[in-house]
């Protein structure tokens, strides 16, 4: 719908308009907030009657006027957003909202954290502090992309390359200037002595709480990061050491590079942790050079994040939230969060706070506006007075595959006016499905006697001309 909108910084379309902020409205649409845009367009008549000067200044000539005025045809009643519904807590510490920057490059110095606080983030998890000499590779990022978005992101970034004393001075300055914002600090030691020392040093550092990094997959030091997180006994031991040496609440950040994440979660709670965070990045290898003339490829396994990992992260959060030892404990979730809908999915599965990195690296701190606005509007539209009231409300709906109702078929529905006759559904059904779609006069036709309702055609249609009928037809009637 947004054609080739670039989500510009200091956008020319807004400068040209002078009445509205079309760049902000387009960004809200991009981040799945169309309803909010319909709710906010106050000057729609000015938009309808203007000369389209915003489009003239747009570097890629997006159809801004057409997009905004077409949305306005479905305009809803204005609502004043009440951000109080986002108030929550982290282990008893008040938060203005549950949205945090996760421990990474996006929260690695004073300026970055301050700008994030100013943008509206409820808190930050500062990039992991340690006692190691950190040397980073260059370049250290790679990605799988579509035309505009990063789908999957790979990094081999490690920990903070500032000294412990430098970082503590940053923490104190942040708490001095932003006393109501939440400062979660990630720490990592190499042995018992370092974990104990770091825990003690954090007591008077300005940190509100700690996150123990048992999950970074990129460490050059052995027996650190995910090497520890894969061994529950070590997770429990280091949590006990931290518990003995800190007055602050703390959570353990778990690695997804395991078969059963509950083992690490249980170990952390037994060791005294007040909760867990999940997931960190998934070990990966991308961009393999297959050109034989280039000699031996120097590639490295690193962490994979971004939109592509969200289903995996959701699975882990669902498993953690059903763990008996985690009842009444804090769960901080991350993994592929870009929009308010993404955040709500994790909260509905049991997360108390949400952490974000990759989306911020791609779009900036400004995405917090759309995350907050979308969640607030959702809560208000459903008569929910606190974000805490939706935590875990979707957990009971998760069922094992052997418990799924397999007695019916839901057929696809073709929207003929949107179909352009490309035949993509036919190709996919013939070569990857049940040969239930054939072409007639340049248009796809469904053979109901062969269709099993797998919905492959719905997924591959590039024009959204096939949707689910949402009608359950008993298999007896089908046969």
Protein backbone atom coordinates (compact mmCIF):
# COMPACT_ATOMS: atom_id res chain seq x y z
CA UNK A 1 0.00 0.00 0.00
CA UNK A 2 2.87 2.38 0.73
CA UNK A 3 4.52 1.71 -2.61
CA UNK A 4 8.12 2.75 -2.20
CA UNK A 5 7.95 4.93 0.94
CA UNK A 6 11.42 5.15 2.50
CA UNK A 7 10.28 6.19 6.02
CA UNK A 8 12.57 9.19 5.72
CA UNK A 9 14.26 11.06 8.54
CA UNK A 10 13.26 14.75 8.57
CA UNK A 11 10.85 13.92 5.76
CA UNK A 12 10.30 16.40 2.95
CA UNK A 13 6.61 15.50 2.68
CA UNK A 14 5.93 16.78 6.21
CA UNK A 15 7.93 19.95 5.60
CA UNK A 16 5.92 20.61 2.45
CA UNK A 17 2.52 19.92 4.03
CA UNK A 18 2.54 22.36 6.92
CA UNK A 19 -0.87 21.10 8.11
CA UNK A 20 -0.37 17.47 9.05
CA UNK A 21 2.58 15.14 9.55
CA UNK A 22 2.19 12.79 6.56
CA UNK A 23 5.52 11.08 7.30
CA UNK A 24 4.30 10.05 10.76
CA UNK A 25 0.96 8.87 9.35
CA UNK A 26 2.64 6.81 6.65
CA UNK A 27 4.96 5.28 9.22
CA UNK A 28 1.96 4.31 11.35
CA UNK A 29 0.42 2.55 8.35
CA UNK A 30 3.74 0.79 7.70
CA UNK A 31 3.75 -0.50 11.27
CA UNK A 32 0.21 -1.92 11.11
CA UNK A 33 -1.55 1.08 12.63
CA UNK A 34 -4.10 1.98 9.95
CA UNK A 35 -6.89 2.21 12.51
CA UNK A 36 -4.88 4.72 14.48
CA UNK A 37 -4.30 6.82 11.37
CA UNK A 38 -8.02 6.84 10.63
CA UNK A 39 -8.50 7.95 14.22
CA UNK A 40 -6.01 10.81 13.94
CA UNK A 41 -6.64 12.56 10.63
CA UNK A 42 -8.12 15.87 11.81
CA UNK A 43 -7.47 17.86 8.67
CA UNK A 44 -8.77 15.43 6.13
CA UNK A 45 -10.60 18.09 4.13
CA UNK A 46 -7.37 20.05 3.80
CA UNK A 47 -5.75 16.84 2.55
CA UNK A 48 -8.52 16.19 0.02
CA UNK A 49 -8.44 19.72 -1.35
CA UNK A 50 -4.68 20.32 -1.35
CA UNK A 51 -2.50 20.46 -4.44
CA UNK A 52 -0.46 17.40 -3.47
CA UNK A 53 2.67 19.40 -2.64
CA UNK A 54 3.77 16.64 -0.24
CA UNK A 55 3.95 14.20 -3.15
CA UNK A 56 5.91 16.68 -5.27
CA UNK A 57 8.62 16.83 -2.61
CA UNK A 58 8.70 13.06 -1.97
CA UNK A 59 11.96 11.61 -3.38
CA UNK A 60 10.20 8.40 -4.51
CA UNK A 61 6.83 9.96 -5.39
CA UNK A 62 4.66 7.98 -3.01
CA UNK A 63 0.90 8.48 -3.58
CA UNK A 64 0.54 10.13 -0.16
CA UNK A 65 -2.70 11.98 -0.82
CA UNK A 66 -4.42 8.92 -2.26
CA UNK A 67 -3.30 6.74 0.64
CA UNK A 68 -4.45 9.11 3.37
CA UNK A 69 -7.76 10.14 1.80
CA UNK A 70 -8.72 6.54 0.99
CA UNK A 71 -8.22 5.61 4.63
CA UNK A 72 -10.43 8.50 5.70
CA UNK A 73 -13.46 6.98 4.02
CA UNK A 74 -13.53 4.50 6.91
CA UNK A 75 -12.93 7.15 9.54
CA UNK A 76 -13.81 6.27 13.12
CA UNK A 77 -14.68 8.39 16.12
CA UNK A 78 -11.79 10.29 17.63
CA UNK A 79 -10.33 8.88 20.83
CA UNK A 80 -7.88 10.45 23.23
CA UNK A 81 -5.26 7.82 23.98
CA UNK A 82 -4.78 7.02 27.68
CA UNK A 83 -1.20 5.87 28.16
CA UNK A 84 -1.85 4.99 31.79
CA UNK A 85 -3.10 1.61 30.61
CA UNK A 86 0.51 0.73 29.79
CA UNK A 87 1.76 1.14 33.36
CA UNK A 88 3.26 -2.04 34.75
CA UNK A 89 6.27 -3.16 36.79
CA UNK A 90 9.50 -5.12 36.62
CA UNK A 91 9.84 -7.26 39.74
CA UNK A 92 7.96 -4.59 41.67
CA UNK A 93 9.76 -1.62 40.09
CA UNK A 94 7.22 0.73 38.43
CA UNK A 95 7.42 1.12 34.65
CA UNK A 96 5.57 3.71 32.58
CA UNK A 97 5.29 1.07 29.84
CA UNK A 98 6.66 -2.45 29.33
CA UNK A 99 8.79 -1.66 26.28
CA UNK A 100 12.57 -1.80 26.68
CA UNK A 101 15.59 -1.68 24.45
CA UNK A 102 17.35 -5.01 24.69
CA UNK A 103 20.98 -5.42 25.63
CA UNK A 104 22.83 -4.60 22.41
CA UNK A 105 24.40 -1.84 20.40
CA UNK A 106 21.12 0.15 20.54
CA UNK A 107 21.65 0.70 24.29
CA UNK A 108 25.39 1.08 24.59
CA UNK A 109 26.10 4.65 25.72
CA UNK A 110 24.55 7.63 27.46
CA UNK A 111 23.43 9.49 24.34
CA UNK A 112 21.63 6.49 22.87
CA UNK A 113 19.79 5.63 26.07
CA UNK A 114 18.85 9.27 26.67
CA UNK A 115 17.40 9.62 23.17
CA UNK A 116 15.48 6.36 23.64
CA UNK A 117 14.04 7.65 26.93
CA UNK A 118 13.08 10.92 25.24
CA UNK A 119 11.40 8.98 22.44
CA UNK A 120 9.15 7.18 24.93
CA UNK A 121 10.75 3.83 25.77
CA UNK A 122 9.94 2.72 29.30
CA UNK A 123 13.47 1.53 29.93
CA UNK A 124 16.63 0.04 28.51
CA UNK A 125 18.71 -3.05 29.10
CA UNK A 126 22.22 -1.67 28.78
CA UNK A 127 24.68 -3.55 26.58
CA UNK A 128 26.41 -6.29 28.58
CA UNK A 129 29.20 -5.03 30.81
CA UNK A 130 32.13 -7.28 31.60
CA UNK A 131 35.79 -7.39 32.62
CA UNK A 132 37.04 -8.66 29.24
CA UNK A 133 38.92 -6.79 26.52
CA UNK A 134 36.41 -6.72 23.67
CA UNK A 135 37.67 -6.50 20.10
CA UNK A 136 35.01 -6.49 17.39
CA UNK A 137 35.22 -7.62 13.76
CA UNK A 138 34.46 -5.35 10.80
CA UNK A 139 32.02 -5.74 9.21
CA UNK A 140 29.96 -7.70 11.72
CA UNK A 141 26.40 -7.54 10.38
CA UNK A 142 24.63 -9.33 7.52
CA UNK A 143 20.98 -9.72 6.56
CA UNK A 144 18.38 -11.53 4.48
CA UNK A 145 16.16 -8.88 2.89
CA UNK A 146 13.15 -8.46 0.67
CA UNK A 147 12.79 -5.31 -1.44
CA UNK A 148 12.53 -2.97 1.57
CA UNK A 149 12.74 -4.82 4.85
CA UNK A 150 15.29 -6.84 6.70
CA UNK A 151 13.66 -10.22 7.29
CA UNK A 152 16.50 -11.90 9.14
CA UNK A 153 19.53 -10.23 10.69
CA UNK A 154 22.87 -11.81 11.55
CA UNK A 155 25.48 -10.33 13.86
CA UNK A 156 28.75 -11.35 15.49
CA UNK A 157 28.73 -8.42 17.95
CA UNK A 158 29.95 -9.17 21.46
CA UNK A 159 29.74 -7.07 24.65
CA UNK A 160 30.39 -3.49 25.71
CA UNK A 161 33.87 -2.32 24.74
CA UNK A 162 33.88 0.35 27.45
CA UNK A 163 35.44 -0.25 30.84
CA UNK A 164 33.35 -1.10 33.86
CA UNK A 165 34.10 2.27 35.46
CA UNK A 166 33.11 4.13 32.28
CA UNK A 167 29.82 2.26 32.10
CA UNK A 168 29.00 2.84 35.77
CA UNK A 169 29.49 6.57 35.26
CA UNK A 170 26.94 6.35 32.42
CA UNK A 171 24.45 4.52 34.66
CA UNK A 172 24.69 7.16 37.37
CA UNK A 173 24.26 9.98 34.89
CA UNK A 174 21.22 8.29 33.32
CA UNK A 175 19.52 7.81 36.70
CA UNK A 176 20.30 11.39 37.66
CA UNK A 177 18.72 12.81 34.51
CA UNK A 178 15.98 10.19 34.02
CA UNK A 179 15.02 9.08 37.53
CA UNK A 180 11.65 7.61 36.47
CA UNK A 181 13.01 5.54 33.60
CA UNK A 182 13.98 1.92 34.14
CA UNK A 183 17.63 0.92 33.85
CA UNK A 184 18.27 -2.80 33.50
CA UNK A 185 21.97 -3.66 33.22
CA UNK A 186 23.27 -6.83 31.58
CA UNK A 187 26.40 -8.42 33.07
CA UNK A 188 28.61 -11.37 32.15
CA UNK A 189 31.50 -12.96 34.01
CA UNK A 190 33.99 -15.65 33.06
CA UNK A 191 34.14 -17.38 36.42
CA UNK A 192 32.73 -17.28 39.96
CA UNK A 193 34.96 -14.39 41.02
CA UNK A 194 33.95 -12.17 38.09
CA UNK A 195 30.23 -12.84 38.52
CA UNK A 196 30.51 -11.97 42.23
CA UNK A 197 32.55 -8.84 41.57
CA UNK A 198 30.23 -7.52 38.86
CA UNK A 199 27.17 -8.18 41.02
CA UNK A 200 28.68 -6.21 43.91
CA UNK A 201 29.75 -3.33 41.67
CA UNK A 202 26.22 -2.98 40.32
CA UNK A 203 24.68 -2.41 43.77
CA UNK A 204 25.54 1.29 43.86
CA UNK A 205 25.86 1.87 40.13
CA UNK A 206 22.44 3.37 39.47
CA UNK A 207 21.08 0.17 37.95
CA UNK A 208 17.52 -0.73 38.92
CA UNK A 209 17.91 -4.43 38.14
CA UNK A 210 20.27 -6.87 36.46
CA UNK A 211 20.07 -9.24 33.53
CA UNK A 212 22.58 -12.11 33.55
CA UNK A 213 23.82 -12.87 30.05
CA UNK A 214 23.89 -16.65 29.67
CA UNK A 215 23.01 -16.47 25.99
CA UNK A 216 25.33 -14.48 23.70
CA UNK A 217 26.39 -16.87 20.88
CA UNK A 218 29.22 -14.66 19.61
CA UNK A 219 31.78 -14.82 22.40
CA UNK A 220 35.45 -15.40 21.60
CA UNK A 221 36.09 -16.34 25.24
CA UNK A 222 35.33 -19.97 26.04
CA UNK A 223 32.85 -20.87 28.81
CA UNK A 224 30.91 -17.64 28.48
CA UNK A 225 27.56 -16.62 27.00
CA UNK A 226 25.57 -19.43 25.41
CA UNK A 227 28.26 -21.94 26.42
CA UNK A 228 27.02 -21.37 29.97
CA UNK A 229 23.34 -21.12 29.08
CA UNK A 230 23.39 -24.61 27.59
CA UNK A 231 24.42 -26.10 30.95
CA UNK A 232 21.66 -25.68 33.57
CA UNK A 233 24.03 -26.50 36.42
CA UNK A 234 26.21 -23.50 35.52
CA UNK A 235 23.17 -21.23 35.15
CA UNK A 236 22.04 -22.19 38.64
CA UNK A 237 25.53 -21.80 40.12
CA UNK A 238 26.14 -18.33 38.72
CA UNK A 239 22.64 -17.17 39.68
CA UNK A 240 23.35 -18.24 43.27
CA UNK A 241 26.60 -16.28 43.25
CA UNK A 242 24.86 -13.16 41.96
CA UNK A 243 22.08 -13.59 44.52
CA UNK A 244 24.66 -13.67 47.30
CA UNK A 245 26.35 -10.49 46.09
CA UNK A 246 23.60 -8.13 44.95
CA UNK A 247 20.73 -6.26 46.54
CA UNK A 248 19.07 -5.79 43.15
CA UNK A 249 16.43 -7.98 41.52
CA UNK A 250 17.80 -9.90 38.56
CA UNK A 251 16.68 -12.08 35.67
CA UNK A 252 18.59 -14.64 33.60
CA UNK A 253 18.75 -14.22 29.82
CA UNK A 254 18.39 -17.68 28.32
CA UNK A 255 19.81 -19.10 25.11
CA UNK A 256 17.45 -20.51 22.46
CA UNK A 257 20.22 -22.82 21.25
CA UNK A 258 18.88 -25.70 23.35
CA UNK A 259 16.20 -28.34 23.01
CA UNK A 260 14.36 -27.59 26.25
CA UNK A 261 14.57 -23.98 27.38
CA UNK A 262 12.65 -24.83 30.56
CA UNK A 263 15.75 -26.57 31.94
CA UNK A 264 17.71 -23.33 31.96
CA UNK A 265 14.72 -21.36 33.22
CA UNK A 266 14.19 -23.74 36.16
CA UNK A 267 17.89 -23.63 36.98
CA UNK A 268 17.83 -19.83 37.08
CA UNK A 269 14.85 -19.76 39.44
CA UNK A 270 16.43 -22.37 41.71
CA UNK A 271 19.52 -20.17 41.80
CA UNK A 272 17.49 -17.20 43.03
CA UNK A 273 16.63 -15.31 39.84
CA UNK A 274 13.48 -13.19 39.90
CA UNK A 275 12.63 -14.18 36.35
CA UNK A 276 14.02 -14.88 32.90
CA UNK A 277 14.50 -13.18 29.55
CA UNK A 278 14.22 -14.95 26.19
CA UNK A 279 15.23 -15.26 23.50
CA UNK A 280 18.69 -14.15 22.51
CA UNK A 281 19.84 -14.64 18.93
CA UNK A 282 19.89 -18.05 17.27
CA UNK A 283 23.16 -19.49 16.04
CA UNK A 284 23.35 -19.15 12.27
CA UNK A 285 25.54 -18.97 9.19
CA UNK A 286 24.49 -16.92 6.17
CA UNK A 287 26.08 -15.52 3.02
CA UNK A 288 28.18 -18.55 2.15
CA UNK A 289 30.47 -17.65 -0.77
CA UNK A 290 30.18 -20.37 -3.44
CA UNK A 291 32.58 -18.73 -5.89
CA UNK A 292 35.46 -21.21 -6.28
CA UNK A 293 37.86 -18.50 -7.50
CA UNK A 294 37.80 -16.78 -4.13
CA UNK A 295 39.70 -19.51 -2.33
CA UNK A 296 38.86 -20.56 1.23
CA UNK A 297 35.83 -18.79 2.65
CA UNK A 298 36.29 -17.10 6.00
CA UNK A 299 32.83 -17.19 7.54
CA UNK A 300 31.68 -17.24 11.13
CA UNK A 301 28.71 -18.55 13.03
CA UNK A 302 26.80 -15.71 14.64
CA UNK A 303 23.44 -14.77 16.10
CA UNK A 304 20.27 -14.59 13.97
CA UNK A 305 17.45 -12.19 14.86
CA UNK A 306 14.69 -10.10 13.29
CA UNK A 307 11.20 -10.81 12.03
CA UNK A 308 12.14 -14.32 10.89
CA UNK A 309 12.78 -15.58 14.43
CA UNK A 310 9.48 -14.42 15.96
CA UNK A 311 7.66 -17.78 15.65
CA UNK A 312 10.57 -19.48 17.39
CA UNK A 313 10.65 -16.87 20.14
CA UNK A 314 6.88 -17.17 20.64
CA UNK A 315 7.23 -20.90 21.09
CA UNK A 316 9.90 -20.49 23.77
CA UNK A 317 7.89 -17.84 25.65
CA UNK A 318 4.81 -20.07 25.57
CA UNK A 319 6.82 -22.95 27.04
CA UNK A 320 8.37 -20.76 29.73
CA UNK A 321 5.06 -19.22 30.75
CA UNK A 322 3.59 -22.69 31.38
CA UNK A 323 6.53 -23.70 33.58
CA UNK A 324 5.38 -24.11 37.19
CA UNK A 325 8.60 -22.65 38.61
CA UNK A 326 8.03 -19.50 36.54
CA UNK A 327 4.60 -18.78 38.01
CA UNK A 328 4.61 -15.30 39.56
CA UNK A 329 8.12 -14.72 38.16
CA UNK A 330 9.02 -12.01 35.66
CA UNK A 331 9.26 -12.92 31.97
CA UNK A 332 10.93 -10.48 29.58
CA UNK A 333 10.40 -11.45 25.94
CA UNK A 334 12.13 -10.55 22.71
CA UNK A 335 12.60 -11.92 19.23
CA UNK A 336 11.27 -10.29 16.06
CA UNK A 337 9.16 -7.53 17.61
CA UNK A 338 8.50 -4.69 15.14
CA UNK A 339 4.86 -3.72 15.57
CA UNK A 340 2.36 -3.36 18.39
CA UNK A 341 0.74 -6.62 17.27
CA UNK A 342 4.04 -8.44 17.70
CA UNK A 343 4.38 -7.06 21.22
CA UNK A 344 0.84 -8.04 22.17
CA UNK A 345 1.37 -11.61 20.98
CA UNK A 346 4.25 -12.04 23.43
CA UNK A 347 2.31 -10.39 26.25
CA UNK A 348 -0.69 -12.60 25.56
CA UNK A 349 1.60 -15.62 25.94
CA UNK A 350 2.86 -14.51 29.35
CA UNK A 351 5.53 -11.84 28.86
CA UNK A 352 5.60 -8.99 31.37
CA UNK A 353 8.03 -6.78 29.46
CA UNK A 354 9.09 -6.64 25.81
CA UNK A 355 12.62 -5.98 24.57
CA UNK A 356 13.55 -4.81 21.06
CA UNK A 357 16.82 -4.47 19.13
CA UNK A 358 16.74 -5.43 15.43
CA UNK A 359 13.69 -3.29 14.57
CA UNK A 360 15.35 -0.31 16.25
CA UNK A 361 18.54 -0.90 14.25
CA UNK A 362 16.45 -0.82 11.09
CA UNK A 363 13.92 1.93 11.86
CA UNK A 364 15.18 3.84 14.90
CA UNK A 365 13.87 4.61 18.38
CA UNK A 366 10.83 6.32 16.82
CA UNK A 367 9.02 2.99 16.43
CA UNK A 368 8.06 3.19 20.09
CA UNK A 369 5.39 5.76 19.18
CA UNK A 370 3.56 3.28 16.97
CA UNK A 371 4.05 0.40 19.39
CA UNK A 372 2.59 2.35 22.29
CA UNK A 373 -0.22 3.95 20.29
CA UNK A 374 -1.28 0.65 18.75
CA UNK A 375 -1.33 -1.20 22.07
CA UNK A 376 -3.19 1.61 23.84
CA UNK A 377 -5.83 1.81 21.13
CA UNK A 378 -6.26 -1.98 21.18
CA UNK A 379 -6.75 -2.00 24.95
CA UNK A 380 -9.20 0.90 24.86
CA UNK A 381 -11.22 -0.62 22.01
CA UNK A 382 -11.56 -3.85 23.98
CA UNK A 383 -12.42 -2.20 27.29
CA UNK A 384 -9.19 -3.39 28.93
CA UNK A 385 -7.93 -0.99 31.60
CA UNK A 386 -4.43 -2.36 32.15
CA UNK A 387 -1.93 -4.14 29.95
CA UNK A 388 -1.39 -6.55 32.85
CA UNK A 389 -4.90 -7.88 32.28
CA UNK A 390 -3.97 -9.56 28.99
CA UNK A 391 -0.81 -11.32 30.21
CA UNK A 392 -1.12 -15.05 29.52
CA UNK A 393 -4.67 -14.87 28.15
CA UNK A 394 -3.65 -16.85 25.04
CA UNK A 395 -1.71 -19.61 26.76
CA UNK A 396 -4.69 -21.95 27.18
CA UNK A 397 -5.37 -21.75 23.45
CA UNK A 398 -2.11 -23.49 22.61
CA UNK A 399 -2.71 -27.16 21.94
CA UNK A 400 -0.39 -30.00 20.88
CA UNK A 401 -0.72 -31.07 17.24
CA UNK A 402 -2.27 -34.39 18.28
CA UNK A 403 -5.14 -32.49 19.91
CA UNK A 404 -6.08 -30.42 16.84
CA UNK A 405 -9.58 -30.89 15.44
CA UNK A 406 -9.06 -32.61 12.10
CA UNK A 407 -12.73 -33.23 11.31
CA UNK A 408 -13.26 -30.32 8.92
CA UNK A 409 -11.81 -28.43 5.94
CA UNK A 410 -11.65 -24.64 5.56
CA UNK A 411 -11.61 -23.83 1.87
CA UNK A 412 -9.87 -20.81 0.32
CA UNK A 413 -11.97 -17.97 -1.06
CA UNK A 414 -11.06 -16.23 -4.33
CA UNK A 415 -11.57 -12.46 -4.60
CA UNK A 416 -12.09 -12.20 -8.34
CA UNK A 417 -11.82 -8.40 -8.60
CA UNK A 418 -8.31 -8.53 -7.11
CA UNK A 419 -7.08 -11.49 -9.14
CA UNK A 420 -4.76 -10.57 -12.03
CA UNK A 421 -4.46 -14.10 -13.37
CA UNK A 422 -0.76 -14.56 -12.66
CA UNK A 423 -1.23 -18.28 -11.95
CA UNK A 424 1.06 -18.38 -8.94
CA UNK A 425 -1.59 -20.23 -6.92
CA UNK A 426 -1.94 -22.80 -9.73
CA UNK A 427 1.82 -23.42 -9.87
CA UNK A 428 2.14 -23.83 -6.10
CA UNK A 429 -0.89 -26.08 -5.79
CA UNK A 430 0.21 -28.27 -8.70
CA UNK A 431 3.84 -28.61 -7.61
CA UNK A 432 3.58 -28.24 -3.84
CA UNK A 433 -0.04 -28.97 -2.94
CA UNK A 434 -2.91 -31.23 -4.04
CA UNK A 435 -3.48 -30.26 -7.68
CA UNK A 436 -6.77 -28.59 -6.78
CA UNK A 437 -6.36 -25.35 -8.76
CA UNK A 438 -6.48 -25.17 -12.55
CA UNK A 439 -6.55 -22.19 -14.86
CA UNK A 440 -9.58 -21.37 -17.02
CA UNK A 441 -9.71 -18.31 -19.27
CA UNK A 442 -6.72 -16.89 -17.45
CA UNK A 443 -8.23 -17.22 -13.98
CA UNK A 444 -7.74 -19.85 -11.25
CA UNK A 445 -10.57 -22.29 -10.55
CA UNK A 446 -10.80 -24.48 -7.43
CA UNK A 447 -11.61 -28.20 -7.57
CA UNK A 448 -13.32 -28.79 -4.24
CA UNK A 449 -13.03 -32.55 -4.56
CA UNK A 450 -9.23 -32.29 -4.41
CA UNK A 451 -8.73 -29.28 -2.13
CA UNK A 452 -7.72 -30.22 1.42
CA UNK A 453 -7.76 -26.66 2.80
CA UNK A 454 -4.00 -26.41 3.34
CA UNK A 455 -4.06 -22.67 2.43
CA UNK A 456 -0.81 -22.73 0.47
CA UNK A 457 -2.55 -20.69 -2.22
CA UNK A 458 -3.53 -18.04 0.34
CA UNK A 459 0.10 -17.66 1.35
CA UNK A 460 1.64 -17.45 -2.12
CA UNK A 461 -0.86 -15.11 -3.82
CA UNK A 462 1.14 -11.91 -4.46
CA UNK A 463 -1.99 -9.76 -4.76
CA UNK A 464 -3.89 -10.94 -1.68
CA UNK A 465 -6.66 -12.17 -3.96
CA UNK A 466 -7.12 -15.44 -2.04
CA UNK A 467 -8.23 -15.50 1.58
CA UNK A 468 -9.60 -18.05 4.00
CA UNK A 469 -13.33 -18.62 3.75
CA UNK A 470 -13.32 -19.22 7.52
CA UNK A 471 -16.16 -21.70 6.98
CA UNK A 472 -15.61 -25.14 8.52
CA UNK A 473 -16.94 -27.82 6.19
CA UNK A 474 -17.15 -31.30 7.78
CA UNK A 475 -14.98 -33.81 5.95
CA UNK A 476 -17.96 -36.09 5.53
CA UNK A 477 -19.66 -33.42 3.48
CA UNK A 478 -16.46 -32.96 1.49
CA UNK A 479 -16.29 -36.64 0.61
